[in-house]
Amino acid sequence: MTEAGELGWVRRGVGSAGAGLAVVLLFALVFAAGARAAGPYEPNDTVAAAVGPLAAGLAYSGGIESQGDVDYFFFYVTSREEAQVTLTLGNLGGGAAVSNVDAIVLDTAATPVGGLSYVTRGHQKTTTLSLRPQKYFIEVRASEGFGDAYSLSGGGGAGAFGSYETIAGRCAAATTAVARARTGLTRAQAKLQRATARLRRSLYSGERERRAARAVYRKARARVNAKRSELKAAKKSRQPWCSIPR
């Protein structure tokens, strides 16, 4: 039965079953209509309550239910370089005569990096963004009117709408590499200390021993420098993976 049919049935019920029953039925009708208006992912009205991570190729529906209502979603970019991220927003209608929906993409610092605006009833828009590996949020709101339902979907190249497990795995591997490089540097520094002590003792020895001590010292010093470079590279490899929040 349509909502108009339900309202007509309620009106006929006033004469037959009394005003009390009509009020109860009307309240139930209003409550049901409000339940249909609520989006399937509510409450997602803040960044902290954002729904996600979104997956490529899937459509997510919602609705701008009141003036000032905002919905948040999130996704990850997991490519090592920039990924081509495609975002499509469709306005399914149902709101005020003059209304629209917007989708704004925000980085982890809540800085807008792109999006779609003024998608009117019965229309959809698509945009493609080049995004570095990070966690991103999508803010869906209306710039005019309210009440429209919408459909949100994404896709793109490798790494667009990736999983957090990929990020966590790369962070873990980089952290292991840092620990290994730090251990290697510590051992190299210990060898350099021994080579330095030998070089000092060689001052009281013959020329042959002095040459041998200098060679060992140069080799130990070069190894320390190499291990320092390894540690620096290992630390750098932790970014951005270990700084991306879940």
Protein backbone atom coordinates (compact mmCIF):
# COMPACT_ATOMS: atom_id res chain seq x y z
CA MET A 1 0.00 0.00 0.00
CA THR A 2 1.34 3.45 -0.85
CA GLU A 3 1.77 6.17 1.75
CA ALA A 4 -1.17 8.11 0.19
CA GLY A 5 -3.30 4.98 0.40
CA GLU A 6 -2.32 4.49 4.02
CA LEU A 7 -3.31 8.06 4.87
CA GLY A 8 -6.69 7.59 3.16
CA TRP A 9 -7.28 4.42 5.14
CA VAL A 10 -6.51 6.32 8.34
CA ARG A 11 -9.01 9.03 7.45
CA ARG A 12 -11.74 6.44 6.83
CA GLY A 13 -10.86 4.88 10.16
CA VAL A 14 -11.80 8.09 11.99
CA GLY A 15 -15.43 7.60 11.26
CA SER A 16 -15.55 3.87 11.95
CA ALA A 17 -13.13 3.12 14.74
CA GLY A 18 -12.96 6.50 16.50
CA ALA A 19 -10.47 9.29 16.86
CA GLY A 20 -8.30 7.40 19.32
CA LEU A 21 -7.54 4.59 16.88
CA ALA A 22 -6.88 7.09 14.08
CA VAL A 23 -4.30 8.91 16.19
CA VAL A 24 -2.51 5.64 16.99
CA LEU A 25 -2.47 4.60 13.34
CA LEU A 26 -1.28 8.01 12.19
CA PHE A 27 1.56 7.98 14.72
CA ALA A 28 2.59 4.53 13.50
CA LEU A 29 2.55 5.78 9.91
CA VAL A 30 4.75 8.77 10.70
CA PHE A 31 7.17 6.59 12.65
CA ALA A 32 7.43 4.16 9.74
CA ALA A 33 8.08 6.97 7.29
CA GLY A 34 10.86 8.30 9.52
CA ALA A 35 12.41 4.84 9.72
CA ARG A 36 12.41 4.56 5.92
CA ALA A 37 14.16 7.95 5.67
CA ALA A 38 17.04 6.90 7.95
CA GLY A 39 20.15 5.80 6.06
CA PRO A 40 21.37 2.22 6.48
CA TYR A 41 24.72 3.36 7.89
CA GLU A 42 23.47 5.81 10.49
CA PRO A 43 24.78 7.14 12.76
CA ASN A 44 27.72 8.28 10.63
CA ASP A 45 27.43 12.01 11.22
CA THR A 46 31.03 12.57 12.39
CA VAL A 47 34.50 11.63 11.19
CA ALA A 48 34.88 9.39 14.26
CA ALA A 49 31.73 7.48 13.23
CA ALA A 50 32.64 7.26 9.53
CA VAL A 51 31.58 4.08 7.74
CA GLY A 52 34.24 2.01 6.00
CA PRO A 53 36.55 1.08 4.64
CA LEU A 54 34.70 1.41 1.34
CA ALA A 55 35.45 -1.22 -1.29
CA ALA A 56 35.84 -0.62 -5.02
CA GLY A 57 32.89 -1.54 -7.18
CA LEU A 58 30.27 -1.47 -4.42
CA ALA A 59 27.49 1.10 -4.10
CA TYR A 60 26.71 2.61 -0.70
CA SER A 61 23.38 4.34 -0.14
CA GLY A 62 22.30 7.00 2.32
CA GLY A 63 20.17 10.06 2.71
CA ILE A 64 20.48 13.68 3.78
CA GLU A 65 17.68 13.48 6.29
CA SER A 66 17.57 17.00 7.68
CA GLN A 67 18.99 20.48 7.28
CA GLY A 68 22.66 20.27 8.20
CA ASP A 69 22.83 16.46 8.12
CA VAL A 70 26.27 15.17 7.11
CA ASP A 71 27.33 11.58 6.38
CA TYR A 72 30.92 10.34 6.55
CA PHE A 73 32.63 7.38 4.91
CA PHE A 74 36.31 6.43 4.69
CA PHE A 75 38.65 4.47 2.43
CA TYR A 76 42.35 3.70 2.04
CA VAL A 77 44.80 4.22 -0.80
CA THR A 78 47.45 1.51 -0.54
CA SER A 79 49.57 1.97 -3.69
CA ARG A 80 53.22 2.86 -3.16
CA GLU A 81 52.80 5.81 -5.49
CA GLU A 82 49.77 7.97 -6.29
CA ALA A 83 46.64 6.04 -7.26
CA GLN A 84 43.89 7.11 -9.66
CA VAL A 85 40.76 7.11 -7.48
CA THR A 86 37.33 7.37 -9.14
CA LEU A 87 34.32 8.53 -7.14
CA THR A 88 30.70 8.54 -8.36
CA LEU A 89 27.81 10.25 -6.56
CA GLY A 90 24.20 9.82 -7.65
CA ASN A 91 21.19 11.78 -6.40
CA LEU A 92 18.22 9.40 -6.06
CA GLY A 93 15.77 12.17 -5.19
CA GLY A 94 13.09 12.23 -2.53
CA GLY A 95 13.95 15.60 -1.04
CA ALA A 96 12.82 19.18 -1.44
CA ALA A 97 11.93 20.58 -4.85
CA VAL A 98 15.26 22.42 -4.92
CA SER A 99 17.94 20.24 -3.37
CA ASN A 100 21.22 18.55 -4.21
CA VAL A 101 24.03 16.49 -2.70
CA ASP A 102 27.78 17.05 -2.52
CA ALA A 103 30.67 14.67 -1.80
CA ILE A 104 33.92 16.14 -0.49
CA VAL A 105 37.08 14.02 -0.16
CA LEU A 106 39.19 14.89 2.91
CA ASP A 107 42.65 13.70 3.85
CA THR A 108 43.63 12.60 7.35
CA ALA A 109 44.18 16.23 8.36
CA ALA A 110 40.60 17.05 7.22
CA THR A 111 41.90 19.08 4.27
CA PRO A 112 39.66 18.91 1.17
CA VAL A 113 41.46 17.31 -1.77
CA GLY A 114 38.60 17.13 -4.29
CA GLY A 115 35.05 15.97 -4.72
CA LEU A 116 31.70 16.50 -6.42
CA SER A 117 29.13 19.24 -5.95
CA TYR A 118 25.57 20.18 -6.88
CA VAL A 119 24.43 16.73 -7.95
CA THR A 120 20.72 17.29 -8.56
CA ARG A 121 17.79 14.87 -8.47
CA GLY A 122 18.06 12.03 -10.97
CA HIS A 123 21.64 12.85 -11.93
CA GLN A 124 25.08 11.54 -11.08
CA LYS A 125 28.62 12.86 -11.40
CA THR A 126 32.01 11.16 -11.48
CA THR A 127 35.44 12.54 -10.68
CA THR A 128 38.95 11.04 -10.76
CA LEU A 129 41.59 12.10 -8.24
CA SER A 130 45.30 11.32 -7.97
CA LEU A 131 45.80 10.44 -4.30
CA ARG A 132 48.86 9.41 -2.34
CA PRO A 133 48.72 6.42 0.05
CA GLN A 134 46.71 7.52 3.08
CA LYS A 135 43.37 7.23 4.82
CA TYR A 136 40.70 9.46 3.28
CA PHE A 137 37.22 10.52 4.32
CA ILE A 138 34.20 11.31 2.15
CA GLU A 139 31.81 13.92 3.49
CA VAL A 140 28.34 13.79 1.91
CA ARG A 141 26.09 16.78 2.50
CA ALA A 142 23.61 19.06 0.75
CA SER A 143 24.54 22.57 -0.29
CA GLU A 144 20.87 23.35 -0.84
CA GLY A 145 17.73 21.73 0.57
CA PHE A 146 17.65 18.28 2.15
CA GLY A 147 15.85 14.94 2.04
CA ASP A 148 17.55 13.45 -1.03
CA ALA A 149 18.72 9.86 -1.02
CA TYR A 150 22.06 9.18 -2.70
CA SER A 151 24.30 6.42 -3.98
CA LEU A 152 28.08 6.51 -3.50
CA SER A 153 30.57 4.23 -5.26
CA GLY A 154 34.26 4.18 -6.07
CA GLY A 155 36.91 2.50 -8.17
CA GLY A 156 40.14 3.28 -9.93
CA GLY A 157 43.63 1.91 -10.40
CA ALA A 158 45.74 -0.40 -8.27
CA GLY A 159 45.71 0.63 -4.63
CA ALA A 160 42.49 2.65 -4.83
CA PHE A 161 40.09 1.54 -2.08
CA GLY A 162 42.64 -0.92 -0.68
CA SER A 163 42.58 -2.78 2.63
CA TYR A 164 44.15 -1.73 5.91
CA GLU A 165 45.82 -5.16 6.10
CA THR A 166 48.08 -4.09 3.23
CA ILE A 167 49.09 -0.97 5.13
CA ALA A 168 49.64 -2.85 8.38
CA GLY A 169 51.75 -5.48 6.61
CA ARG A 170 54.03 -2.87 5.06
CA CYS A 171 54.41 -1.09 8.39
CA ALA A 172 55.33 -4.37 10.10
CA ALA A 173 57.89 -5.24 7.41
CA ALA A 174 59.46 -1.79 7.62
CA THR A 175 59.60 -1.94 11.41
CA THR A 176 61.37 -5.30 11.22
CA ALA A 177 63.84 -3.81 8.75
CA VAL A 178 64.56 -0.94 11.15
CA ALA A 179 65.28 -3.35 14.00
CA ARG A 180 67.58 -5.44 11.79
CA ALA A 181 69.44 -2.36 10.54
CA ARG A 182 69.85 -1.03 14.06
CA THR A 183 71.35 -4.35 15.20
CA GLY A 184 73.71 -4.32 12.22
CA LEU A 185 74.85 -0.79 13.05
CA THR A 186 75.50 -1.70 16.67
CA ARG A 187 77.69 -4.63 15.62
CA ALA A 188 79.55 -2.51 13.07
CA GLN A 189 80.22 0.16 15.70
CA ALA A 190 81.62 -2.48 18.05
CA LYS A 191 84.02 -3.67 15.30
CA LEU A 192 85.05 -0.08 14.65
CA GLN A 193 85.89 0.37 18.33
CA ARG A 194 88.12 -2.71 18.21
CA ALA A 195 89.73 -1.53 14.98
CA THR A 196 90.39 1.89 16.54
CA ALA A 197 92.06 0.29 19.56
CA ARG A 198 94.23 -1.85 17.27
CA LEU A 199 95.23 1.21 15.24
CA ARG A 200 96.37 2.98 18.39
CA ARG A 201 98.42 -0.03 19.52
CA SER A 202 100.03 -0.27 16.10
CA LEU A 203 101.79 3.04 16.68
CA TYR A 204 104.25 1.08 18.79
CA SER A 205 104.62 -1.74 16.27
CA GLY A 206 106.34 -2.21 12.95
CA GLU A 207 105.32 -0.75 9.60
CA ARG A 208 103.63 -3.96 8.50
CA GLU A 209 101.33 -4.04 11.51
CA ARG A 210 100.56 -0.33 11.15
CA ARG A 211 99.47 -0.86 7.52
CA ALA A 212 97.31 -3.83 8.49
CA ALA A 213 95.72 -1.90 11.37
CA ARG A 214 94.93 1.06 9.10
CA ALA A 215 93.29 -1.24 6.54
CA VAL A 216 91.11 -2.87 9.20
CA TYR A 217 90.15 0.53 10.56
CA ARG A 218 89.17 1.88 7.13
CA LYS A 219 87.08 -1.19 6.42
CA ALA A 220 85.32 -0.97 9.82
CA ARG A 221 84.62 2.73 9.37
CA ALA A 222 83.16 2.16 5.88
CA ARG A 223 80.93 -0.61 7.29
CA VAL A 224 79.60 1.73 9.98
CA ASN A 225 78.77 4.35 7.37
CA ALA A 226 76.99 1.74 5.24
CA LYS A 227 74.98 0.49 8.20
CA ARG A 228 74.00 4.05 9.08
CA SER A 229 72.67 4.50 5.54
CA GLU A 230 70.77 1.22 5.82
CA LEU A 231 69.16 2.35 9.06
CA LYS A 232 68.20 5.70 7.56
CA ALA A 233 66.59 3.99 4.56
CA ALA A 234 64.78 1.51 6.79
CA LYS A 235 63.34 4.31 8.91
CA LYS A 236 62.23 6.13 5.79
CA SER A 237 60.46 2.99 4.53
CA ARG A 238 58.12 3.13 7.51
CA GLN A 239 56.45 6.17 5.95
CA PRO A 240 53.67 6.62 5.20
CA TRP A 241 52.55 3.15 6.24
CA CYS A 242 53.18 3.42 9.98
CA SER A 243 51.55 6.85 10.20
CA ILE A 244 48.26 5.89 8.54
CA PRO A 245 45.54 5.50 11.21
CA ARG A 246 43.18 2.57 11.21
